[in-house]
N, C-alpha and C. Protein backbone atom coordinates (compact mmCIF):
# COMPACT_ATOMS: atom_id res chain seq x y z
N GLN A 1 -11.96 -22.27 -9.96
CA GLN A 1 -11.81 -20.92 -9.81
C GLN A 1 -10.30 -20.50 -9.48
N VAL A 2 -9.55 -20.44 -10.99
CA VAL A 2 -7.91 -20.03 -10.01
C VAL A 2 -8.34 -19.11 -11.70
N GLN A 3 -6.80 -17.96 -11.23
CA GLN A 3 -6.22 -16.80 -12.67
C GLN A 3 -5.42 -16.91 -12.75
N LEU A 4 -4.38 -16.91 -12.70
CA LEU A 4 -3.25 -15.64 -13.11
C LEU A 4 -3.31 -14.96 -13.75
N VAL A 5 -2.50 -13.89 -13.44
CA VAL A 5 -3.08 -12.08 -14.22
C VAL A 5 -1.55 -11.55 -13.98
N GLU A 6 -0.37 -11.07 -15.22
CA GLU A 6 0.29 -11.00 -15.06
C GLU A 6 0.13 -9.77 -15.00
N SER A 7 1.29 -8.87 -14.93
CA SER A 7 1.75 -7.23 -15.27
C SER A 7 2.93 -6.96 -15.49
N GLY A 8 3.18 -6.10 -15.33
CA GLY A 8 4.41 -5.19 -15.25
C GLY A 8 5.65 -4.92 -16.77
N GLY A 9 4.63 -6.07 -17.75
CA GLY A 9 5.42 -5.83 -19.25
C GLY A 9 5.01 -4.34 -19.72
N GLY A 10 4.99 -3.82 -20.41
CA GLY A 10 5.44 -2.85 -21.69
C GLY A 10 7.01 -2.24 -22.25
N LEU A 11 7.55 -0.85 -22.44
CA LEU A 11 8.90 -0.66 -23.13
C LEU A 11 9.77 -0.41 -22.51
N VAL A 12 10.68 -1.59 -22.94
CA VAL A 12 11.89 -0.19 -22.50
C VAL A 12 13.05 -0.45 -23.58
N GLN A 13 14.37 0.16 -23.36
CA GLN A 13 14.80 0.44 -23.80
C GLN A 13 16.11 -0.91 -23.73
N PRO A 14 17.04 -0.97 -24.84
CA PRO A 14 17.91 -2.13 -25.03
C PRO A 14 18.57 -1.64 -23.36
N GLY A 15 19.35 -3.36 -22.75
CA GLY A 15 20.18 -2.51 -22.12
C GLY A 15 19.20 -2.10 -20.29
N GLY A 16 17.79 -2.00 -21.23
CA GLY A 16 17.59 -2.01 -19.40
C GLY A 16 17.04 -2.74 -18.96
N SER A 17 16.16 -2.97 -17.65
CA SER A 17 15.60 -3.66 -17.02
C SER A 17 13.60 -3.91 -16.85
N LEU A 18 13.19 -4.41 -16.39
CA LEU A 18 11.83 -4.70 -16.11
C LEU A 18 11.21 -5.97 -15.04
N ARG A 19 10.73 -5.06 -13.96
CA ARG A 19 10.37 -6.69 -13.56
C ARG A 19 8.70 -7.29 -13.69
N LEU A 20 8.90 -7.75 -13.62
CA LEU A 20 7.29 -8.82 -14.27
C LEU A 20 6.39 -9.24 -13.32
N SER A 21 5.43 -9.43 -13.22
CA SER A 21 4.63 -9.77 -11.75
C SER A 21 3.67 -10.82 -12.23
N CYS A 22 3.21 -11.89 -11.51
CA CYS A 22 2.25 -12.92 -11.78
C CYS A 22 1.41 -13.56 -10.32
N ALA A 23 0.52 -13.12 -10.15
CA ALA A 23 -0.84 -13.59 -8.97
C ALA A 23 -1.93 -13.99 -9.43
N ALA A 24 -1.89 -15.48 -8.69
CA ALA A 24 -2.25 -16.58 -8.66
C ALA A 24 -3.12 -16.23 -7.75
N SER A 25 -4.50 -16.71 -7.99
CA SER A 25 -5.78 -15.85 -7.19
C SER A 25 -6.82 -17.14 -7.38
N GLY A 26 -7.18 -17.40 -5.86
CA GLY A 26 -9.21 -18.41 -5.88
C GLY A 26 -8.39 -19.18 -5.28
N SER A 27 -9.49 -20.75 -5.26
CA SER A 27 -9.16 -21.74 -4.64
C SER A 27 -7.41 -22.55 -5.05
N ILE A 28 -6.85 -22.50 -3.83
CA ILE A 28 -5.52 -22.95 -4.65
C ILE A 28 -5.06 -23.79 -2.92
N PHE A 29 -4.88 -24.36 -2.92
CA PHE A 29 -4.13 -25.44 -1.84
C PHE A 29 -3.35 -25.71 -2.25
N SER A 30 -1.61 -25.64 -2.49
CA SER A 30 -0.57 -25.76 -3.04
C SER A 30 -0.24 -25.55 -4.54
N ILE A 31 0.76 -24.48 -4.98
CA ILE A 31 1.83 -24.12 -6.04
C ILE A 31 2.53 -25.82 -5.24
N ASN A 32 3.26 -26.65 -7.22
CA ASN A 32 4.32 -26.81 -6.68
C ASN A 32 5.46 -27.01 -7.72
N ALA A 33 5.28 -25.27 -8.93
CA ALA A 33 5.36 -25.44 -9.20
C ALA A 33 5.67 -23.72 -10.72
N MET A 34 6.41 -22.16 -10.32
CA MET A 34 5.43 -21.14 -11.29
C MET A 34 6.71 -21.64 -12.48
N ARG A 35 6.47 -20.53 -13.29
CA ARG A 35 7.33 -20.68 -15.03
C ARG A 35 6.71 -19.61 -15.92
N TRP A 36 8.00 -19.23 -16.52
CA TRP A 36 7.26 -18.15 -17.21
C TRP A 36 8.08 -18.67 -18.42
N TYR A 37 7.11 -18.28 -19.75
CA TYR A 37 7.04 -18.80 -21.28
C TYR A 37 7.46 -17.43 -21.77
N ARG A 38 7.95 -17.99 -22.94
CA ARG A 38 7.30 -16.38 -23.24
C ARG A 38 7.72 -16.86 -25.27
N GLN A 39 6.45 -15.94 -25.55
CA GLN A 39 6.08 -16.87 -27.32
C GLN A 39 6.56 -15.55 -27.87
N ALA A 40 7.44 -15.25 -28.93
CA ALA A 40 7.98 -13.99 -30.00
C ALA A 40 7.55 -13.94 -31.35
N PRO A 41 7.07 -13.47 -31.89
CA PRO A 41 6.37 -12.62 -32.99
C PRO A 41 6.62 -13.52 -33.96
N GLY A 42 6.32 -15.03 -34.86
CA GLY A 42 7.18 -16.09 -35.90
C GLY A 42 7.36 -17.33 -35.22
N LYS A 43 7.42 -17.13 -33.98
CA LYS A 43 7.99 -18.68 -32.54
C LYS A 43 7.12 -19.12 -31.88
N GLN A 44 8.02 -20.23 -31.62
CA GLN A 44 7.18 -21.60 -31.19
C GLN A 44 7.54 -20.41 -28.73
N ARG A 45 6.23 -21.12 -28.35
CA ARG A 45 5.86 -20.40 -27.36
C ARG A 45 7.39 -21.34 -26.37
N GLU A 46 8.99 -20.96 -25.89
CA GLU A 46 9.55 -20.73 -25.18
C GLU A 46 9.70 -20.88 -24.00
N LEU A 47 9.96 -22.05 -22.93
CA LEU A 47 10.22 -22.11 -21.74
C LEU A 47 11.55 -21.14 -20.85
N VAL A 48 10.71 -19.80 -21.01
CA VAL A 48 12.22 -18.80 -20.25
C VAL A 48 13.09 -19.60 -17.98
N ALA A 49 11.92 -19.38 -17.26
CA ALA A 49 12.32 -19.72 -15.64
C ALA A 49 11.11 -20.31 -15.84
N THR A 50 11.65 -21.66 -14.32
CA THR A 50 10.78 -22.30 -13.54
C THR A 50 11.15 -22.23 -12.42
N ILE A 51 9.90 -22.12 -11.34
CA ILE A 51 11.49 -22.30 -9.44
C ILE A 51 9.91 -23.09 -9.36
N THR A 52 10.78 -24.58 -8.39
CA THR A 52 9.51 -24.72 -7.41
C THR A 52 9.27 -24.22 -6.52
N SER A 53 8.72 -25.18 -5.64
CA SER A 53 7.82 -24.57 -4.49
C SER A 53 9.00 -24.47 -3.24
N GLY A 54 9.47 -25.07 -3.51
CA GLY A 54 10.62 -25.61 -2.60
C GLY A 54 12.25 -24.08 -2.76
N GLY A 55 12.15 -23.45 -3.95
CA GLY A 55 12.87 -22.27 -4.30
C GLY A 55 14.40 -22.84 -5.45
N SER A 56 13.92 -23.82 -5.99
CA SER A 56 14.94 -24.06 -7.29
C SER A 56 14.97 -23.43 -8.64
N THR A 57 15.44 -23.51 -8.77
CA THR A 57 15.01 -22.55 -10.41
C THR A 57 15.99 -23.13 -12.03
N ASN A 58 15.36 -22.97 -12.73
CA ASN A 58 16.08 -23.37 -13.75
C ASN A 58 15.75 -22.35 -14.87
N TYR A 59 16.93 -21.91 -15.76
CA TYR A 59 17.16 -20.96 -16.31
C TYR A 59 16.94 -21.55 -17.90
N ALA A 60 16.60 -20.38 -19.39
CA ALA A 60 17.28 -20.82 -20.62
C ALA A 60 18.35 -20.49 -20.60
N ASP A 61 18.76 -21.09 -21.65
CA ASP A 61 20.42 -21.08 -21.85
C ASP A 61 20.16 -18.78 -21.89
N SER A 62 19.86 -18.59 -23.20
CA SER A 62 19.52 -17.37 -23.42
C SER A 62 19.66 -16.45 -22.53
N VAL A 63 18.67 -16.85 -21.11
CA VAL A 63 18.96 -15.62 -20.17
C VAL A 63 19.18 -15.55 -19.16
N LYS A 64 20.09 -17.19 -19.37
CA LYS A 64 20.88 -17.47 -17.25
C LYS A 64 21.69 -16.07 -17.66
N GLY A 65 22.40 -15.63 -16.20
CA GLY A 65 22.80 -14.26 -15.85
C GLY A 65 22.31 -13.23 -16.10
N ARG A 66 20.80 -13.47 -16.64
CA ARG A 66 20.39 -11.51 -16.97
C ARG A 66 18.27 -11.53 -16.45
N PHE A 67 18.03 -12.61 -15.88
CA PHE A 67 16.73 -13.09 -15.60
C PHE A 67 17.25 -13.69 -14.30
N THR A 68 15.91 -13.66 -13.20
CA THR A 68 16.03 -13.74 -11.98
C THR A 68 14.04 -14.13 -11.75
N ILE A 69 13.71 -15.56 -11.69
CA ILE A 69 12.73 -16.51 -11.40
C ILE A 69 12.25 -15.90 -9.50
N SER A 70 11.70 -15.81 -8.65
CA SER A 70 11.67 -15.62 -7.13
C SER A 70 9.90 -16.03 -7.42
N ARG A 71 9.59 -16.42 -6.01
CA ARG A 71 8.26 -16.25 -5.19
C ARG A 71 8.19 -14.74 -4.00
N GLY A 72 6.89 -14.41 -3.98
CA GLY A 72 6.65 -13.47 -3.66
C GLY A 72 6.67 -13.94 -2.28
N ASN A 73 6.78 -13.36 -0.84
CA ASN A 73 6.51 -13.83 0.11
C ASN A 73 4.90 -13.44 0.62
N ALA A 74 4.46 -14.92 0.77
CA ALA A 74 3.38 -14.69 1.91
C ALA A 74 1.91 -14.82 0.61
N LYS A 75 2.85 -15.22 -0.66
CA LYS A 75 1.83 -14.67 -1.63
C LYS A 75 1.50 -16.11 -2.65
N ASN A 76 0.36 -16.01 -3.51
CA ASN A 76 1.04 -16.85 -4.42
C ASN A 76 1.17 -16.14 -5.36
N THR A 77 2.48 -15.40 -5.26
CA THR A 77 3.22 -15.30 -7.20
C THR A 77 4.65 -15.44 -7.40
N VAL A 78 5.10 -15.14 -8.22
CA VAL A 78 5.82 -14.80 -9.64
C VAL A 78 6.51 -13.59 -9.81
N TYR A 79 8.19 -13.71 -9.57
CA TYR A 79 8.14 -12.44 -10.70
C TYR A 79 9.05 -13.18 -11.92
N LEU A 80 9.57 -12.59 -12.56
CA LEU A 80 10.59 -12.57 -12.99
C LEU A 80 11.58 -11.10 -13.40
N GLN A 81 12.24 -10.49 -12.79
CA GLN A 81 13.26 -9.66 -13.19
C GLN A 81 14.06 -10.04 -14.38
N MET A 82 13.82 -8.78 -15.43
CA MET A 82 14.15 -9.07 -16.60
C MET A 82 15.52 -7.58 -16.33
N ASN A 83 16.62 -8.27 -16.21
CA ASN A 83 18.18 -7.26 -16.82
C ASN A 83 19.07 -7.32 -17.71
N SER A 84 19.64 -5.98 -18.29
CA SER A 84 20.51 -6.40 -19.97
C SER A 84 19.52 -6.43 -20.97
N LEU A 85 17.57 -5.96 -20.74
CA LEU A 85 17.79 -6.74 -21.89
C LEU A 85 18.39 -6.42 -22.96
N LYS A 86 17.89 -7.54 -24.34
CA LYS A 86 17.71 -7.26 -25.88
C LYS A 86 16.85 -7.40 -26.11
N PRO A 87 16.86 -6.65 -27.75
CA PRO A 87 15.62 -6.58 -28.29
C PRO A 87 14.95 -7.67 -28.36
N GLU A 88 16.24 -9.61 -28.66
CA GLU A 88 15.03 -10.35 -29.02
C GLU A 88 14.56 -11.05 -27.72
N ASP A 89 14.12 -10.43 -27.25
CA ASP A 89 13.65 -10.80 -25.49
C ASP A 89 11.99 -10.37 -26.12
N THR A 90 11.92 -9.60 -27.12
CA THR A 90 10.78 -8.87 -27.23
C THR A 90 9.97 -9.88 -27.15
N ALA A 91 9.17 -9.98 -26.92
CA ALA A 91 7.95 -11.67 -26.00
C ALA A 91 7.00 -10.73 -26.18
N VAL A 92 5.41 -12.37 -26.03
CA VAL A 92 4.45 -11.79 -24.92
C VAL A 92 5.31 -12.80 -23.73
N TYR A 93 4.96 -12.64 -22.23
CA TYR A 93 5.87 -13.40 -21.35
C TYR A 93 4.29 -13.78 -20.37
N TYR A 94 3.68 -15.47 -20.66
CA TYR A 94 2.85 -15.96 -19.63
C TYR A 94 3.49 -17.38 -18.58
N CYS A 95 2.75 -16.01 -17.73
CA CYS A 95 2.57 -17.80 -16.46
C CYS A 95 2.26 -18.74 -16.34
N ASN A 96 2.69 -18.82 -15.63
CA ASN A 96 2.25 -20.80 -15.56
C ASN A 96 2.38 -21.05 -14.63
N ALA A 97 1.49 -22.75 -14.01
CA ALA A 97 1.56 -22.45 -12.61
C ALA A 97 1.10 -24.12 -12.49
N GLY A 98 1.54 -24.59 -12.09
CA GLY A 98 1.30 -25.64 -11.60
C GLY A 98 0.05 -25.82 -10.18
N LEU A 99 -0.61 -26.71 -9.70
CA LEU A 99 -1.15 -26.22 -8.26
C LEU A 99 -2.30 -27.12 -8.63
N ARG A 100 -2.61 -27.64 -6.88
CA ARG A 100 -3.88 -28.20 -6.48
C ARG A 100 -4.56 -27.57 -6.18
N THR A 101 -6.60 -27.67 -6.25
CA THR A 101 -6.86 -26.57 -4.66
C THR A 101 -7.24 -27.69 -4.28
N GLY A 102 -7.24 -28.66 -3.08
CA GLY A 102 -7.86 -29.53 -2.20
C GLY A 102 -6.34 -30.51 -2.30
N ILE A 103 -7.00 -30.77 -1.02
CA ILE A 103 -5.34 -32.27 -0.96
C ILE A 103 -5.78 -33.41 -1.17
N LEU A 104 -7.28 -33.39 -1.63
CA LEU A 104 -7.86 -34.58 -3.00
C LEU A 104 -7.67 -34.71 -3.80
N ALA A 105 -7.55 -33.05 -4.21
CA ALA A 105 -6.83 -32.63 -5.65
C ALA A 105 -5.45 -33.18 -6.61
N GLY A 106 -5.64 -33.14 -7.80
CA GLY A 106 -4.79 -33.36 -8.65
C GLY A 106 -3.75 -32.41 -8.72
N TYR A 107 -2.85 -32.41 -9.68
CA TYR A 107 -2.19 -30.78 -10.35
C TYR A 107 -3.20 -30.54 -11.73
N ASN A 108 -2.56 -29.33 -12.11
CA ASN A 108 -3.73 -28.61 -12.41
C ASN A 108 -2.80 -27.55 -13.36
N VAL A 109 -2.99 -26.94 -14.55
CA VAL A 109 -1.82 -26.41 -14.94
C VAL A 109 -2.87 -25.33 -15.40
N TYR A 110 -2.84 -24.22 -15.08
CA TYR A 110 -3.44 -22.27 -15.31
C TYR A 110 -2.41 -22.35 -15.64
N TRP A 111 -2.75 -20.99 -17.13
CA TRP A 111 -2.26 -19.62 -18.01
C TRP A 111 -2.92 -19.07 -17.67
N GLY A 112 -1.59 -17.38 -17.80
CA GLY A 112 -2.05 -16.32 -17.41
C GLY A 112 -2.06 -15.86 -18.78
N GLN A 113 -2.68 -14.60 -18.85
CA GLN A 113 -3.29 -13.99 -20.94
C GLN A 113 -1.83 -13.80 -21.32
N GLY A 114 -0.71 -13.41 -20.66
CA GLY A 114 0.44 -13.24 -20.94
C GLY A 114 0.73 -11.52 -21.16
N THR A 115 1.58 -11.24 -20.67
CA THR A 115 2.31 -9.28 -20.62
C THR A 115 3.10 -9.60 -20.93
N GLN A 116 3.01 -8.21 -22.86
CA GLN A 116 3.86 -7.69 -23.89
C GLN A 116 5.22 -7.07 -23.40
N VAL A 117 5.91 -7.59 -23.66
CA VAL A 117 7.29 -7.03 -23.50
C VAL A 117 8.22 -6.44 -24.68
N THR A 118 8.30 -5.40 -25.01
CA THR A 118 9.16 -5.07 -26.73
C THR A 118 10.08 -4.01 -25.56
N VAL A 119 11.40 -4.77 -25.63
CA VAL A 119 12.75 -3.65 -26.20
C VAL A 119 13.50 -3.32 -27.10
N SER A 120 12.91 -1.91 -27.43
CA SER A 120 12.49 -1.45 -28.98
C SER A 120 13.83 -0.36 -28.17
N SER A 121 15.11 0.88 -28.79
CA SER A 121 15.45 1.60 -28.77
C SER A 121 14.44 2.82 -29.98
């Protein structure tokens, strides 16, 4: 039983900022990586940012320099700090985690339900 729950979405003006949070809970032994995806209306879901258990990060070109992914301290959490937001950032943002529930378990991928981010004046 693993759950990922996103929060922090909302309506923001262009140029503004939002900080998304994702909390993973349940029977978690270890997390290999956590990611943020987004899906805009009429478009396919795209990978926005990745962070590994070692802290390595990667970003989509469209958000590089504006978004920052990070892991929470002593918690199974991941954040996405979004600055200089643009209308084209409007999408449902999804948290994703690759984790295992025990030392003998393989890695599985889990998804949150998503949180809406709307950038509009």
